[in-house]
Amino acid sequence: MDDEILIWLLRSVGLVCGGLVVANFVGAKRLGYARSLVGAEKLVRQIFYVHCGYIVGLITALGVLCLGWPGLFLEDGMGRVVSGFFAVFWGSRVVVQLTYYEKEYRARERFWDVFFLGVFGYLALVFGLVFFLK
């Protein structure tokens, strides 16, 4: 596959990551994170919010890299390793959604379930292509 196509795909991943960052804030409000954590110990709430912050930060950084410097992922060595890591990272997110999340909730929110499966599958596919084709 031509490098220009892979660069275009990686830039599209950057846009998708931007959407995921926004979705994290919308989802937190829609799912009532704060309300659900009221009865939890303070340390548990703090750990939960720190984990969320780090994930959002990671997705933001990945999006910036894909938009600004997609060629880094196409380089031999570290670029290939990072692409392979993110292929596994996003692919495992698909597996988690299919096997771990509550089936009744997924059925009730079928549109969002399928939408996010598609998003995470797309991310895994693009990084997998970069890993295997470079």
C-alpha atoms as a PDB file:
ATOM      1  CA  MET A   1       0.000   0.000   0.000  1.00  0.00           C
ATOM      2  CA  ASP A   2       1.282   3.447  -0.908  1.00  0.00           C
ATOM      3  CA  ASP A   3       2.687   5.596   1.919  1.00  0.00           C
ATOM      4  CA  GLU A   4       0.390   8.484   0.950  1.00  0.00           C
ATOM      5  CA  ILE A   5      -2.663   6.298   1.558  1.00  0.00           C
ATOM      6  CA  LEU A   6      -1.290   5.197   4.928  1.00  0.00           C
ATOM      7  CA  ILE A   7      -0.603   8.835   5.855  1.00  0.00           C
ATOM      8  CA  TRP A   8      -4.177   9.750   4.897  1.00  0.00           C
ATOM      9  CA  LEU A   9      -5.492   6.853   7.011  1.00  0.00           C
ATOM     10  CA  LEU A  10      -3.330   7.883   9.984  1.00  0.00           C
ATOM     11  CA  ARG A  11      -4.589  11.466   9.716  1.00  0.00           C
ATOM     12  CA  SER A  12      -8.144  10.137   9.738  1.00  0.00           C
ATOM     13  CA  VAL A  13      -7.203   8.265  12.930  1.00  0.00           C
ATOM     14  CA  GLY A  14      -6.143  11.620  14.385  1.00  0.00           C
ATOM     15  CA  LEU A  15      -9.620  13.000  13.686  1.00  0.00           C
ATOM     16  CA  VAL A  16     -11.253   9.906  15.167  1.00  0.00           C
ATOM     17  CA  CYS A  17      -9.127  10.314  18.307  1.00  0.00           C
ATOM     18  CA  GLY A  18     -10.347  13.904  18.582  1.00  0.00           C
ATOM     19  CA  GLY A  19     -13.890  12.594  18.478  1.00  0.00           C
ATOM     20  CA  LEU A  20     -13.083  10.037  21.169  1.00  0.00           C
ATOM     21  CA  VAL A  21     -11.753  12.784  23.440  1.00  0.00           C
ATOM     22  CA  VAL A  22     -15.032  14.676  23.095  1.00  0.00           C
ATOM     23  CA  ALA A  23     -17.000  11.437  23.565  1.00  0.00           C
ATOM     24  CA  ASN A  24     -15.217  10.808  26.867  1.00  0.00           C
ATOM     25  CA  PHE A  25     -16.571  14.068  28.289  1.00  0.00           C
ATOM     26  CA  VAL A  26     -20.059  13.565  26.849  1.00  0.00           C
ATOM     27  CA  GLY A  27     -20.100   9.958  28.074  1.00  0.00           C
ATOM     28  CA  ALA A  28     -19.009  10.943  31.577  1.00  0.00           C
ATOM     29  CA  LYS A  29     -22.005  13.249  31.863  1.00  0.00           C
ATOM     30  CA  ARG A  30     -24.457  10.917  30.116  1.00  0.00           C
ATOM     31  CA  LEU A  31     -23.452   7.902  32.208  1.00  0.00           C
ATOM     32  CA  GLY A  32     -23.342   9.938  35.407  1.00  0.00           C
ATOM     33  CA  TYR A  33     -19.810   9.151  36.535  1.00  0.00           C
ATOM     34  CA  ALA A  34     -19.933  11.634  39.433  1.00  0.00           C
ATOM     35  CA  ARG A  35     -23.357  10.428  40.610  1.00  0.00           C
ATOM     36  CA  SER A  36     -22.291   6.782  40.388  1.00  0.00           C
ATOM     37  CA  LEU A  37     -19.132   7.388  42.401  1.00  0.00           C
ATOM     38  CA  VAL A  38     -20.795   9.245  45.296  1.00  0.00           C
ATOM     39  CA  GLY A  39     -20.724   6.209  47.588  1.00  0.00           C
ATOM     40  CA  ALA A  40     -17.198   5.191  46.679  1.00  0.00           C
ATOM     41  CA  GLU A  41     -14.252   5.917  48.926  1.00  0.00           C
ATOM     42  CA  LYS A  42     -12.430   9.150  48.134  1.00  0.00           C
ATOM     43  CA  LEU A  43      -9.287   7.317  47.003  1.00  0.00           C
ATOM     44  CA  VAL A  44     -11.325   5.124  44.619  1.00  0.00           C
ATOM     45  CA  ARG A  45     -12.920   8.250  43.087  1.00  0.00           C
ATOM     46  CA  GLN A  46      -9.505   9.860  42.756  1.00  0.00           C
ATOM     47  CA  ILE A  47      -8.003   6.785  41.093  1.00  0.00           C
ATOM     48  CA  PHE A  48     -10.986   6.555  38.715  1.00  0.00           C
ATOM     49  CA  TYR A  49     -10.636  10.199  37.625  1.00  0.00           C
ATOM     50  CA  VAL A  50      -6.850   9.958  37.292  1.00  0.00           C
ATOM     51  CA  HIS A  51      -7.228   6.846  35.092  1.00  0.00           C
ATOM     52  CA  CYS A  52      -9.811   8.639  32.960  1.00  0.00           C
ATOM     53  CA  GLY A  53      -7.522  11.656  32.664  1.00  0.00           C
ATOM     54  CA  TYR A  54      -4.566   9.569  31.598  1.00  0.00           C
ATOM     55  CA  ILE A  55      -6.620   7.725  28.976  1.00  0.00           C
ATOM     56  CA  VAL A  56      -7.964  11.003  27.576  1.00  0.00           C
ATOM     57  CA  GLY A  57      -4.409  12.380  27.576  1.00  0.00           C
ATOM     58  CA  LEU A  58      -3.104   9.321  25.745  1.00  0.00           C
ATOM     59  CA  ILE A  59      -5.844   9.521  23.120  1.00  0.00           C
ATOM     60  CA  THR A  60      -5.243  13.270  22.707  1.00  0.00           C
ATOM     61  CA  ALA A  61      -1.497  12.749  22.224  1.00  0.00           C
ATOM     62  CA  LEU A  62      -2.115   9.927  19.763  1.00  0.00           C
ATOM     63  CA  GLY A  63      -4.494  12.130  17.793  1.00  0.00           C
ATOM     64  CA  VAL A  64      -1.988  14.995  17.685  1.00  0.00           C
ATOM     65  CA  LEU A  65       0.780  12.652  16.516  1.00  0.00           C
ATOM     66  CA  CYS A  66      -1.428  11.140  13.806  1.00  0.00           C
ATOM     67  CA  LEU A  67      -2.529  14.538  12.534  1.00  0.00           C
ATOM     68  CA  GLY A  68       0.811  16.316  12.790  1.00  0.00           C
ATOM     69  CA  TRP A  69       3.432  13.639  12.224  1.00  0.00           C
ATOM     70  CA  PRO A  70       1.839  10.541  10.659  1.00  0.00           C
ATOM     71  CA  GLY A  71       5.117   9.657   8.938  1.00  0.00           C
ATOM     72  CA  LEU A  72       6.637   8.742  12.311  1.00  0.00           C
ATOM     73  CA  PHE A  73       4.419   5.648  12.372  1.00  0.00           C
ATOM     74  CA  LEU A  74       5.749   4.575   8.961  1.00  0.00           C
ATOM     75  CA  GLU A  75       9.410   4.531   9.968  1.00  0.00           C
ATOM     76  CA  ASP A  76      11.232   1.269  10.620  1.00  0.00           C
ATOM     77  CA  GLY A  77      11.879   0.374  14.217  1.00  0.00           C
ATOM     78  CA  MET A  78       9.968   2.427  16.751  1.00  0.00           C
ATOM     79  CA  GLY A  79       7.241   3.520  14.317  1.00  0.00           C
ATOM     80  CA  ARG A  80       6.405  -0.072  13.523  1.00  0.00           C
ATOM     81  CA  VAL A  81       6.491  -1.125  17.185  1.00  0.00           C
ATOM     82  CA  VAL A  82       4.196   1.742  18.218  1.00  0.00           C
ATOM     83  CA  SER A  83       1.809   0.920  15.356  1.00  0.00           C
ATOM     84  CA  GLY A  84       1.734  -2.725  16.442  1.00  0.00           C
ATOM     85  CA  PHE A  85       1.091  -1.691  20.028  1.00  0.00           C
ATOM     86  CA  PHE A  86      -1.862   0.491  19.048  1.00  0.00           C
ATOM     87  CA  ALA A  87      -3.258  -2.226  16.775  1.00  0.00           C
ATOM     88  CA  VAL A  88      -3.324  -4.553  19.794  1.00  0.00           C
ATOM     89  CA  PHE A  89      -4.505  -1.781  22.139  1.00  0.00           C
ATOM     90  CA  TRP A  90      -7.535  -0.871  20.022  1.00  0.00           C
ATOM     91  CA  GLY A  91      -8.206  -4.464  18.985  1.00  0.00           C
ATOM     92  CA  SER A  92      -8.330  -5.470  22.639  1.00  0.00           C
ATOM     93  CA  ARG A  93     -10.821  -2.645  23.238  1.00  0.00           C
ATOM     94  CA  VAL A  94     -13.144  -4.340  20.739  1.00  0.00           C
ATOM     95  CA  VAL A  95     -12.740  -7.652  22.585  1.00  0.00           C
ATOM     96  CA  VAL A  96     -13.465  -5.994  25.945  1.00  0.00           C
ATOM     97  CA  GLN A  97     -16.638  -4.417  24.607  1.00  0.00           C
ATOM     98  CA  LEU A  98     -17.849  -7.706  23.152  1.00  0.00           C
ATOM     99  CA  THR A  99     -17.010  -9.914  26.133  1.00  0.00           C
ATOM    100  CA  TYR A 100     -16.995  -7.811  29.297  1.00  0.00           C
ATOM    101  CA  TYR A 101     -19.571  -5.011  29.021  1.00  0.00           C
ATOM    102  CA  GLU A 102     -23.096  -5.743  30.203  1.00  0.00           C
ATOM    103  CA  LYS A 103     -25.063  -7.338  27.364  1.00  0.00           C
ATOM    104  CA  GLU A 104     -28.410  -5.831  28.375  1.00  0.00           C
ATOM    105  CA  TYR A 105     -26.985  -2.316  28.312  1.00  0.00           C
ATOM    106  CA  ARG A 106     -25.299  -2.953  24.966  1.00  0.00           C
ATOM    107  CA  ALA A 107     -28.620  -4.170  23.556  1.00  0.00           C
ATOM    108  CA  ARG A 108     -30.476  -1.142  24.946  1.00  0.00           C
ATOM    109  CA  GLU A 109     -27.861   1.211  23.445  1.00  0.00           C
ATOM    110  CA  ARG A 110     -27.351  -0.780  20.231  1.00  0.00           C
ATOM    111  CA  PHE A 111     -26.544   2.244  18.050  1.00  0.00           C
ATOM    112  CA  TRP A 112     -23.716   3.392  20.337  1.00  0.00           C
ATOM    113  CA  ASP A 113     -22.523  -0.164  20.841  1.00  0.00           C
ATOM    114  CA  VAL A 114     -22.146  -0.723  17.089  1.00  0.00           C
ATOM    115  CA  PHE A 115     -20.792   2.796  16.557  1.00  0.00           C
ATOM    116  CA  PHE A 116     -17.980   2.370  19.084  1.00  0.00           C
ATOM    117  CA  LEU A 117     -17.213  -1.162  17.892  1.00  0.00           C
ATOM    118  CA  GLY A 118     -16.746   0.371  14.444  1.00  0.00           C
ATOM    119  CA  VAL A 119     -14.573   3.190  15.786  1.00  0.00           C
ATOM    120  CA  PHE A 120     -12.284   0.900  17.768  1.00  0.00           C
ATOM    121  CA  GLY A 121     -12.213  -1.661  14.960  1.00  0.00           C
ATOM    122  CA  TYR A 122     -11.212   1.068  12.490  1.00  0.00           C
ATOM    123  CA  LEU A 123      -8.383   2.235  14.752  1.00  0.00           C
ATOM    124  CA  ALA A 124      -7.126  -1.334  15.154  1.00  0.00           C
ATOM    125  CA  LEU A 125      -7.359  -1.908  11.392  1.00  0.00           C
ATOM    126  CA  VAL A 126      -5.390   1.226  10.434  1.00  0.00           C
ATOM    127  CA  PHE A 127      -2.619   0.585  12.945  1.00  0.00           C
ATOM    128  CA  GLY A 128      -2.586  -3.079  11.915  1.00  0.00           C
ATOM    129  CA  LEU A 129      -2.193  -2.085   8.258  1.00  0.00           C
ATOM    130  CA  VAL A 130       0.677   0.236   9.125  1.00  0.00           C
ATOM    131  CA  PHE A 131       2.318  -2.483  11.225  1.00  0.00           C
ATOM    132  CA  PHE A 132       2.014  -5.245   8.628  1.00  0.00           C
ATOM    133  CA  LEU A 133       2.559  -3.194   5.457  1.00  0.00           C
ATOM    134  CA  LYS A 134       5.552  -1.104   6.512  1.00  0.00           C
END
